[in-house]
Amino acid sequence: DDHDDGSDYNDPTPLLGRPADVAAVLENIRPKVLIVAHGMVPE
C-alpha cells in the first residue's frame, strides 16, 4: 500500500506479478523491453 503516495494518478495498468514471478511473466507475455524503476523491490 505504500505505493499510494498521494500523487494524482489514475493508472489502469495491471500488476502482473511479483519479482519472483519474472520467469513466468517473461515466458507468458514475451515482452521486448523491461525497465527497472526500482519500486519496493530490494537491490
All heavy atoms as atom14 arrays in JSON, in Angstrom:
{
  "sequence": "DDHDDGSDYNDPTPLLGRPADVAAVLENIRPKVLIVAHGMVPE",
  "atom14_mask": [
    [1, 1, 1, 1, 1, 1, 1, 1, 0, 0, 0, 0, 0, 0],
    [1, 1, 1, 1, 1, 1, 1, 1, 0, 0, 0, 0, 0, 0],
    [1, 1, 1, 1, 1, 1, 1, 1, 1, 1, 0, 0, 0, 0],
    [1, 1, 1, 1, 1, 1, 1, 1, 0, 0, 0, 0, 0, 0],
    [1, 1, 1, 1, 1, 1, 1, 1, 0, 0, 0, 0, 0, 0],
    [1, 1, 1, 1, 0, 0, 0, 0, 0, 0, 0, 0, 0, 0],
    [1, 1, 1, 1, 1, 1, 0, 0, 0, 0, 0, 0, 0, 0],
    [1, 1, 1, 1, 1, 1, 1, 1, 0, 0, 0, 0, 0, 0],
    [1, 1, 1, 1, 1, 1, 1, 1, 1, 1, 1, 1, 0, 0],
    [1, 1, 1, 1, 1, 1, 1, 1, 0, 0, 0, 0, 0, 0],
    [1, 1, 1, 1, 1, 1, 1, 1, 0, 0, 0, 0, 0, 0],
    [1, 1, 1, 1, 1, 1, 1, 0, 0, 0, 0, 0, 0, 0],
    [1, 1, 1, 1, 1, 1, 1, 0, 0, 0, 0, 0, 0, 0],
    [1, 1, 1, 1, 1, 1, 1, 0, 0, 0, 0, 0, 0, 0],
    [1, 1, 1, 1, 1, 1, 1, 1, 0, 0, 0, 0, 0, 0],
    [1, 1, 1, 1, 1, 1, 1, 1, 0, 0, 0, 0, 0, 0],
    [1, 1, 1, 1, 0, 0, 0, 0, 0, 0, 0, 0, 0, 0],
    [1, 1, 1, 1, 1, 1, 1, 1, 1, 1, 1, 0, 0, 0],
    [1, 1, 1, 1, 1, 1, 1, 0, 0, 0, 0, 0, 0, 0],
    [1, 1, 1, 1, 1, 0, 0, 0, 0, 0, 0, 0, 0, 0],
    [1, 1, 1, 1, 1, 1, 1, 1, 0, 0, 0, 0, 0, 0],
    [1, 1, 1, 1, 1, 1, 1, 0, 0, 0, 0, 0, 0, 0],
    [1, 1, 1, 1, 1, 0, 0, 0, 0, 0, 0, 0, 0, 0],
    [1, 1, 1, 1, 1, 0, 0, 0, 0, 0, 0, 0, 0, 0],
    [1, 1, 1, 1, 1, 1, 1, 0, 0, 0, 0, 0, 0, 0],
    [1, 1, 1, 1, 1, 1, 1, 1, 0, 0, 0, 0, 0, 0],
    [1, 1, 1, 1, 1, 1, 1, 1, 1, 0, 0, 0, 0, 0],
    [1, 1, 1, 1, 1, 1, 1, 1, 0, 0, 0, 0, 0, 0],
    [1, 1, 1, 1, 1, 1, 1, 1, 0, 0, 0, 0, 0, 0],
    [1, 1, 1, 1, 1, 1, 1, 1, 1, 1, 1, 0, 0, 0],
    [1, 1, 1, 1, 1, 1, 1, 0, 0, 0, 0, 0, 0, 0],
    [1, 1, 1, 1, 1, 1, 1, 1, 1, 0, 0, 0, 0, 0],
    [1, 1, 1, 1, 1, 1, 1, 0, 0, 0, 0, 0, 0, 0],
    [1, 1, 1, 1, 1, 1, 1, 1, 0, 0, 0, 0, 0, 0],
    [1, 1, 1, 1, 1, 1, 1, 1, 0, 0, 0, 0, 0, 0],
    [1, 1, 1, 1, 1, 1, 1, 0, 0, 0, 0, 0, 0, 0],
    [1, 1, 1, 1, 1, 0, 0, 0, 0, 0, 0, 0, 0, 0],
    [1, 1, 1, 1, 1, 1, 1, 1, 1, 1, 0, 0, 0, 0],
    [1, 1, 1, 1, 0, 0, 0, 0, 0, 0, 0, 0, 0, 0],
    [1, 1, 1, 1, 1, 1, 1, 1, 0, 0, 0, 0, 0, 0],
    [1, 1, 1, 1, 1, 1, 1, 0, 0, 0, 0, 0, 0, 0],
    [1, 1, 1, 1, 1, 1, 1, 0, 0, 0, 0, 0, 0, 0],
    [1, 1, 1, 1, 1, 1, 1, 1, 1, 0, 0, 0, 0, 0]
  ],
  "atom14_positions": [
    [[0.82, -1.22, 0.0], [0.0, 0.0, 0.0], [0.85, 1.26, 0.0], [0.33, 2.36, -0.25], [-0.93, 0.02, 1.21], [-2.0, -1.06, 1.1], [-2.27, -1.5, -0.03], [-2.53, -1.47, 2.16], [0.0, 0.0, 0.0], [0.0, 0.0, 0.0], [0.0, 0.0, 0.0], [0.0, 0.0, 0.0], [0.0, 0.0, 0.0], [0.0, 0.0, 0.0]],
    [[2.15, 1.12, 0.31], [2.99, 2.32, 0.36], [3.17, 2.95, -1.01], [3.7, 4.04, -1.12], [4.38, 1.96, 0.92], [4.31, 1.61, 2.39], [3.29, 1.96, 3.01], [5.26, 0.97, 2.9], [0.0, 0.0, 0.0], [0.0, 0.0, 0.0], [0.0, 0.0, 0.0], [0.0, 0.0, 0.0], [0.0, 0.0, 0.0], [0.0, 0.0, 0.0]],
    [[2.72, 2.26, -2.08], [2.83, 2.85, -3.41], [1.93, 4.07, -3.55], [2.13, 4.91, -4.4], [2.44, 1.82, -4.48], [3.47, 0.74, -4.65], [3.16, -0.49, -5.16], [4.78, 0.71, -4.36], [4.25, -1.24, -5.21], [5.25, -0.52, -4.73], [0.0, 0.0, 0.0], [0.0, 0.0, 0.0], [0.0, 0.0, 0.0], [0.0, 0.0, 0.0]],
    [[0.9, 4.14, -2.69], [-0.01, 5.27, -2.76], [0.62, 6.44, -2.03], [0.55, 6.53, -0.81], [-1.36, 4.89, -2.14], [-2.38, 5.99, -2.29], [-2.07, 6.97, -3.0], [-3.47, 5.87, -1.7], [0.0, 0.0, 0.0], [0.0, 0.0, 0.0], [0.0, 0.0, 0.0], [0.0, 0.0, 0.0], [0.0, 0.0, 0.0], [0.0, 0.0, 0.0]],
    [[1.27, 7.33, -2.76], [1.96, 8.44, -2.14], [1.19, 9.75, -2.27], [1.75, 10.82, -2.08], [3.36, 8.6, -2.75], [3.32, 8.79, -4.26], [2.19, 8.89, -4.81], [4.39, 8.85, -4.88], [0.0, 0.0, 0.0], [0.0, 0.0, 0.0], [0.0, 0.0, 0.0], [0.0, 0.0, 0.0], [0.0, 0.0, 0.0], [0.0, 0.0, 0.0]],
    [[-0.09, 9.65, -2.63], [-0.9, 10.86, -2.73], [-0.82, 11.55, -4.06], [-1.47, 12.57, -4.27], [0.0, 0.0, 0.0], [0.0, 0.0, 0.0], [0.0, 0.0, 0.0], [0.0, 0.0, 0.0], [0.0, 0.0, 0.0], [0.0, 0.0, 0.0], [0.0, 0.0, 0.0], [0.0, 0.0, 0.0], [0.0, 0.0, 0.0], [0.0, 0.0, 0.0]],
    [[-0.03, 11.03, -5.0], [0.08, 11.66, -6.32], [-1.2, 11.44, -7.1], [-1.93, 10.47, -6.89], [1.27, 11.08, -7.08], [2.46, 11.26, -6.34], [0.0, 0.0, 0.0], [0.0, 0.0, 0.0], [0.0, 0.0, 0.0], [0.0, 0.0, 0.0], [0.0, 0.0, 0.0], [0.0, 0.0, 0.0], [0.0, 0.0, 0.0], [0.0, 0.0, 0.0]],
    [[-1.47, 12.34, -8.01], [-2.72, 12.28, -8.78], [-2.51, 11.41, -10.02], [-2.2, 11.89, -11.1], [-3.14, 13.7, -9.18], [-4.48, 13.71, -9.9], [-5.2, 12.7, -9.8], [-4.79, 14.71, -10.56], [0.0, 0.0, 0.0], [0.0, 0.0, 0.0], [0.0, 0.0, 0.0], [0.0, 0.0, 0.0], [0.0, 0.0, 0.0], [0.0, 0.0, 0.0]],
    [[-2.65, 10.1, -9.85], [-2.51, 9.16, -10.95], [-3.76, 8.31, -11.05], [-4.32, 7.87, -10.04], [-1.29, 8.24, -10.75], [0.03, 8.93, -10.94], [0.74, 9.38, -9.84], [0.55, 9.12, -12.21], [1.95, 10.02, -10.0], [1.76, 9.76, -12.38], [2.47, 10.2, -11.28], [3.66, 10.84, -11.44], [0.0, 0.0, 0.0], [0.0, 0.0, 0.0]],
    [[-4.2, 8.08, -12.26], [-5.3, 7.15, -12.5], [-4.79, 6.12, -13.5], [-5.09, 6.18, -14.69], [-6.52, 7.9, -13.04], [-7.72, 6.98, -13.22], [-7.76, 5.9, -12.64], [-8.67, 7.41, -14.05], [0.0, 0.0, 0.0], [0.0, 0.0, 0.0], [0.0, 0.0, 0.0], [0.0, 0.0, 0.0], [0.0, 0.0, 0.0], [0.0, 0.0, 0.0]],
    [[-3.97, 5.2, -13.01], [-3.25, 4.28, -13.87], [-3.93, 2.92, -13.86], [-3.9, 2.21, -12.86], [-1.8, 4.16, -13.37], [-0.93, 3.37, -14.32], [-1.47, 2.86, -15.33], [0.28, 3.26, -14.07], [0.0, 0.0, 0.0], [0.0, 0.0, 0.0], [0.0, 0.0, 0.0], [0.0, 0.0, 0.0], [0.0, 0.0, 0.0], [0.0, 0.0, 0.0]],
    [[-4.54, 2.51, -15.0], [-5.22, 1.21, -15.04], [-4.29, 0.05, -15.35], [-4.73, -1.09, -15.45], [-6.23, 1.41, -16.18], [-5.53, 2.34, -17.13], [-4.69, 3.27, -16.25], [0.0, 0.0, 0.0], [0.0, 0.0, 0.0], [0.0, 0.0, 0.0], [0.0, 0.0, 0.0], [0.0, 0.0, 0.0], [0.0, 0.0, 0.0], [0.0, 0.0, 0.0]],
    [[-2.99, 0.32, -15.52], [-2.05, -0.73, -15.9], [-1.98, -1.8, -14.82], [-1.83, -1.48, -13.64], [-0.65, -0.13, -16.12], [-0.75, 0.97, -17.02], [0.29, -1.17, -16.71], [0.0, 0.0, 0.0], [0.0, 0.0, 0.0], [0.0, 0.0, 0.0], [0.0, 0.0, 0.0], [0.0, 0.0, 0.0], [0.0, 0.0, 0.0], [0.0, 0.0, 0.0]],
    [[-2.08, -3.08, -15.19], [-2.15, -4.14, -14.18], [-0.8, -4.47, -13.54], [0.26, -4.28, -14.15], [-2.66, -5.35, -14.98], [-2.16, -5.1, -16.37], [-2.22, -3.6, -16.56], [0.0, 0.0, 0.0], [0.0, 0.0, 0.0], [0.0, 0.0, 0.0], [0.0, 0.0, 0.0], [0.0, 0.0, 0.0], [0.0, 0.0, 0.0], [0.0, 0.0, 0.0]],
    [[-0.86, -4.95, -12.32], [0.31, -5.51, -11.66], [0.34, -6.99, -12.03], [-0.51, -7.77, -11.6], [0.2, -5.34, -10.14], [1.4, -5.82, -9.31], [2.62, -4.93, -9.58], [1.07, -5.81, -7.83], [0.0, 0.0, 0.0], [0.0, 0.0, 0.0], [0.0, 0.0, 0.0], [0.0, 0.0, 0.0], [0.0, 0.0, 0.0], [0.0, 0.0, 0.0]],
    [[1.29, -7.39, -12.86], [1.31, -8.73, -13.44], [1.94, -9.78, -12.53], [1.83, -10.97, -12.8], [2.05, -8.71, -14.78], [1.41, -7.84, -15.86], [2.26, -7.85, -17.11], [0.0, -8.33, -16.18], [0.0, 0.0, 0.0], [0.0, 0.0, 0.0], [0.0, 0.0, 0.0], [0.0, 0.0, 0.0], [0.0, 0.0, 0.0], [0.0, 0.0, 0.0]],
    [[2.63, -9.33, -11.5], [3.24, -10.31, -10.61], [4.29, -9.68, -9.72], [4.55, -8.48, -9.78], [0.0, 0.0, 0.0], [0.0, 0.0, 0.0], [0.0, 0.0, 0.0], [0.0, 0.0, 0.0], [0.0, 0.0, 0.0], [0.0, 0.0, 0.0], [0.0, 0.0, 0.0], [0.0, 0.0, 0.0], [0.0, 0.0, 0.0], [0.0, 0.0, 0.0]],
    [[4.88, -10.52, -8.9], [5.97, -10.11, -8.02], [7.3, -10.38, -8.73], [7.34, -11.08, -9.73], [5.87, -10.88, -6.71], [4.56, -10.65, -5.97], [4.32, -11.71, -4.9], [5.27, -11.57, -3.79], [5.08, -10.79, -2.74], [3.97, -10.08, -2.65], [5.97, -10.72, -1.78], [0.0, 0.0, 0.0], [0.0, 0.0, 0.0], [0.0, 0.0, 0.0]],
    [[8.39, -9.84, -8.19], [9.7, -10.08, -8.82], [10.02, -11.56, -8.99], [10.64, -11.96, -9.97], [10.68, -9.41, -7.86], [9.88, -8.34, -7.2], [8.49, -8.88, -7.08], [0.0, 0.0, 0.0], [0.0, 0.0, 0.0], [0.0, 0.0, 0.0], [0.0, 0.0, 0.0], [0.0, 0.0, 0.0], [0.0, 0.0, 0.0], [0.0, 0.0, 0.0]],
    [[9.56, -12.41, -8.05], [9.83, -13.84, -8.15], [9.11, -14.47, -9.34], [9.47, -15.58, -9.77], [9.42, -14.54, -6.86], [0.0, 0.0, 0.0], [0.0, 0.0, 0.0], [0.0, 0.0, 0.0], [0.0, 0.0, 0.0], [0.0, 0.0, 0.0], [0.0, 0.0, 0.0], [0.0, 0.0, 0.0], [0.0, 0.0, 0.0], [0.0, 0.0, 0.0]],
    [[8.08, -13.78, -9.87], [7.31, -14.32, -10.99], [7.91, -13.94, -12.34], [7.31, -14.23, -13.38], [5.86, -13.81, -10.95], [5.16, -14.13, -9.65], [5.4, -15.23, -9.13], [4.39, -13.28, -9.16], [0.0, 0.0, 0.0], [0.0, 0.0, 0.0], [0.0, 0.0, 0.0], [0.0, 0.0, 0.0], [0.0, 0.0, 0.0], [0.0, 0.0, 0.0]],
    [[9.07, -13.3, -12.35], [9.58, -12.73, -13.59], [9.76, -13.78, -14.68], [9.46, -13.52, -15.85], [10.91, -11.96, -13.34], [12.01, -12.89, -12.83], [11.36, -11.24, -14.6], [0.0, 0.0, 0.0], [0.0, 0.0, 0.0], [0.0, 0.0, 0.0], [0.0, 0.0, 0.0], [0.0, 0.0, 0.0], [0.0, 0.0, 0.0], [0.0, 0.0, 0.0]],
    [[10.23, -14.97, -14.33], [10.45, -16.01, -15.35], [9.13, -16.39, -16.03], [9.06, -16.5, -17.26], [11.12, -17.23, -14.73], [0.0, 0.0, 0.0], [0.0, 0.0, 0.0], [0.0, 0.0, 0.0], [0.0, 0.0, 0.0], [0.0, 0.0, 0.0], [0.0, 0.0, 0.0], [0.0, 0.0, 0.0], [0.0, 0.0, 0.0], [0.0, 0.0, 0.0]],
    [[8.08, -16.58, -15.21], [6.77, -16.94, -15.76], [6.19, -15.82, -16.61], [5.62, -16.06, -17.68], [5.81, -17.31, -14.64], [0.0, 0.0, 0.0], [0.0, 0.0, 0.0], [0.0, 0.0, 0.0], [0.0, 0.0, 0.0], [0.0, 0.0, 0.0], [0.0, 0.0, 0.0], [0.0, 0.0, 0.0], [0.0, 0.0, 0.0], [0.0, 0.0, 0.0]],
    [[6.35, -14.58, -16.14], [5.82, -13.43, -16.89], [6.54, -13.28, -18.22], [5.93, -13.06, -19.27], [5.93, -12.14, -16.05], [5.54, -10.93, -16.88], [5.05, -12.23, -14.81], [0.0, 0.0, 0.0], [0.0, 0.0, 0.0], [0.0, 0.0, 0.0], [0.0, 0.0, 0.0], [0.0, 0.0, 0.0], [0.0, 0.0, 0.0], [0.0, 0.0, 0.0]],
    [[7.86, -13.41, -18.21], [8.63, -13.29, -19.44], [8.26, -14.38, -20.43], [8.19, -14.15, -21.64], [10.13, -13.36, -19.14], [10.73, -12.15, -18.4], [12.2, -12.42, -18.07], [10.61, -10.88, -19.22], [0.0, 0.0, 0.0], [0.0, 0.0, 0.0], [0.0, 0.0, 0.0], [0.0, 0.0, 0.0], [0.0, 0.0, 0.0], [0.0, 0.0, 0.0]],
    [[7.99, -15.58, -19.91], [7.64, -16.7, -20.79], [6.24, -16.54, -21.35], [5.99, -16.83, -22.53], [7.74, -18.02, -20.0], [7.53, -19.26, -20.85], [8.59, -19.43, -21.92], [9.76, -19.05, -21.68], [8.25, -19.96, -23.0], [0.0, 0.0, 0.0], [0.0, 0.0, 0.0], [0.0, 0.0, 0.0], [0.0, 0.0, 0.0], [0.0, 0.0, 0.0]],
    [[5.29, -16.06, -20.53], [3.9, -15.94, -20.97], [3.68, -14.75, -21.89], [2.96, -14.84, -22.89], [2.97, -15.83, -19.76], [2.89, -17.13, -18.98], [3.15, -18.19, -19.52], [2.55, -17.05, -17.71], [0.0, 0.0, 0.0], [0.0, 0.0, 0.0], [0.0, 0.0, 0.0], [0.0, 0.0, 0.0], [0.0, 0.0, 0.0], [0.0, 0.0, 0.0]],
    [[4.26, -13.61, -21.53], [3.96, -12.36, -22.22], [4.99, -12.03, -23.29], [4.7, -11.37, -24.28], [3.86, -11.21, -21.2], [2.73, -11.52, -20.23], [3.62, -9.87, -21.87], [2.58, -10.51, -19.12], [0.0, 0.0, 0.0], [0.0, 0.0, 0.0], [0.0, 0.0, 0.0], [0.0, 0.0, 0.0], [0.0, 0.0, 0.0], [0.0, 0.0, 0.0]],
    [[6.22, -12.51, -23.1], [7.32, -12.28, -24.04], [7.5, -10.79, -24.38], [7.42, -10.39, -25.54], [7.11, -13.08, -25.33], [7.07, -14.58, -25.1], [7.0, -15.36, -26.4], [6.91, -16.78, -26.15], [7.96, -17.57, -25.91], [9.16, -17.04, -25.89], [7.8, -18.85, -25.69], [0.0, 0.0, 0.0], [0.0, 0.0, 0.0], [0.0, 0.0, 0.0]],
    [[7.72, -9.96, -23.37], [7.97, -8.54, -23.65], [9.32, -8.36, -24.33], [10.23, -9.18, -24.17], [7.96, -7.91, -22.26], [8.46, -9.01, -21.37], [7.87, -10.28, -21.94], [0.0, 0.0, 0.0], [0.0, 0.0, 0.0], [0.0, 0.0, 0.0], [0.0, 0.0, 0.0], [0.0, 0.0, 0.0], [0.0, 0.0, 0.0], [0.0, 0.0, 0.0]],
    [[9.45, -7.29, -25.08], [10.71, -6.98, -25.74], [11.58, -6.05, -24.89], [12.79, -5.96, -25.1], [10.44, -6.3, -27.09], [9.81, -7.22, -28.12], [10.74, -8.35, -28.5], [10.14, -9.2, -29.62], [11.03, -10.34, -29.97], [0.0, 0.0, 0.0], [0.0, 0.0, 0.0], [0.0, 0.0, 0.0], [0.0, 0.0, 0.0], [0.0, 0.0, 0.0]],
    [[10.95, -5.37, -23.92], [11.68, -4.4, -23.11], [11.26, -4.54, -21.65], [10.07, -4.74, -21.36], [11.4, -2.95, -23.58], [12.09, -1.93, -22.67], [11.87, -2.75, -25.02], [0.0, 0.0, 0.0], [0.0, 0.0, 0.0], [0.0, 0.0, 0.0], [0.0, 0.0, 0.0], [0.0, 0.0, 0.0], [0.0, 0.0, 0.0], [0.0, 0.0, 0.0]],
    [[12.24, -4.46, -20.76], [11.97, -4.43, -19.33], [12.71, -3.23, -18.75], [13.91, -3.07, -18.98], [12.44, -5.73, -18.67], [12.14, -5.89, -17.18], [11.75, -7.33, -16.87], [13.35, -5.51, -16.33], [0.0, 0.0, 0.0], [0.0, 0.0, 0.0], [0.0, 0.0, 0.0], [0.0, 0.0, 0.0], [0.0, 0.0, 0.0], [0.0, 0.0, 0.0]],
    [[11.98, -2.37, -18.04], [12.58, -1.16, -17.45], [12.53, -1.28, -15.94], [11.46, -1.47, -15.35], [11.84, 0.11, -17.9], [11.79, 0.2, -19.43], [12.52, 1.34, -17.33], [11.03, 1.41, -19.95], [0.0, 0.0, 0.0], [0.0, 0.0, 0.0], [0.0, 0.0, 0.0], [0.0, 0.0, 0.0], [0.0, 0.0, 0.0], [0.0, 0.0, 0.0]],
    [[13.69, -1.19, -15.31], [13.79, -1.29, -13.86], [13.65, 0.1, -13.25], [14.53, 0.95, -13.39], [15.12, -1.93, -13.43], [15.21, -2.01, -11.92], [15.26, -3.33, -14.04], [0.0, 0.0, 0.0], [0.0, 0.0, 0.0], [0.0, 0.0, 0.0], [0.0, 0.0, 0.0], [0.0, 0.0, 0.0], [0.0, 0.0, 0.0], [0.0, 0.0, 0.0]],
    [[12.5, 0.34, -12.59], [12.25, 1.62, -11.93], [12.27, 1.46, -10.42], [11.69, 2.28, -9.7], [10.9, 2.19, -12.39], [0.0, 0.0, 0.0], [0.0, 0.0, 0.0], [0.0, 0.0, 0.0], [0.0, 0.0, 0.0], [0.0, 0.0, 0.0], [0.0, 0.0, 0.0], [0.0, 0.0, 0.0], [0.0, 0.0, 0.0], [0.0, 0.0, 0.0]],
    [[12.89, 0.38, -9.95], [13.16, 0.13, -8.53], [11.88, -0.2, -7.76], [11.61, -1.35, -7.49], [13.92, 1.31, -7.9], [15.15, 1.66, -8.65], [16.25, 0.82, -8.7], [15.47, 2.73, -9.41], [17.18, 1.36, -9.45], [16.74, 2.52, -9.9], [0.0, 0.0, 0.0], [0.0, 0.0, 0.0], [0.0, 0.0, 0.0], [0.0, 0.0, 0.0]],
    [[11.09, 0.76, -7.37], [9.89, 0.5, -6.58], [10.24, -0.06, -5.21], [11.2, 0.35, -4.57], [0.0, 0.0, 0.0], [0.0, 0.0, 0.0], [0.0, 0.0, 0.0], [0.0, 0.0, 0.0], [0.0, 0.0, 0.0], [0.0, 0.0, 0.0], [0.0, 0.0, 0.0], [0.0, 0.0, 0.0], [0.0, 0.0, 0.0], [0.0, 0.0, 0.0]],
    [[9.46, -1.06, -4.75], [9.67, -1.65, -3.44], [10.62, -2.85, -3.47], [10.84, -3.49, -2.46], [8.32, -2.11, -2.86], [7.27, -1.01, -2.75], [7.79, 0.31, -1.63], [7.84, -0.6, -0.08], [0.0, 0.0, 0.0], [0.0, 0.0, 0.0], [0.0, 0.0, 0.0], [0.0, 0.0, 0.0], [0.0, 0.0, 0.0], [0.0, 0.0, 0.0]],
    [[11.16, -3.17, -4.66], [11.97, -4.38, -4.81], [13.36, -4.15, -4.24], [14.05, -3.2, -4.64], [12.07, -4.78, -6.29], [12.78, -6.12, -6.43], [10.69, -4.83, -6.92], [0.0, 0.0, 0.0], [0.0, 0.0, 0.0], [0.0, 0.0, 0.0], [0.0, 0.0, 0.0], [0.0, 0.0, 0.0], [0.0, 0.0, 0.0], [0.0, 0.0, 0.0]],
    [[13.83, -4.99, -3.32], [15.18, -4.85, -2.78], [16.24, -5.02, -3.86], [16.02, -5.66, -4.88], [15.28, -5.97, -1.73], [13.87, -6.34, -1.42], [13.09, -6.09, -2.67], [0.0, 0.0, 0.0], [0.0, 0.0, 0.0], [0.0, 0.0, 0.0], [0.0, 0.0, 0.0], [0.0, 0.0, 0.0], [0.0, 0.0, 0.0], [0.0, 0.0, 0.0]],
    [[17.43, -4.43, -3.6], [18.5, -4.42, -4.59], [18.91, -5.83, -5.02], [19.11, -6.09, -6.21], [19.72, -3.69, -4.0], [20.73, -3.22, -5.03], [20.33, -1.89, -5.66], [19.42, -1.22, -5.16], [20.96, -1.54, -6.67], [0.0, 0.0, 0.0], [0.0, 0.0, 0.0], [0.0, 0.0, 0.0], [0.0, 0.0, 0.0], [0.0, 0.0, 0.0]]
  ]
}
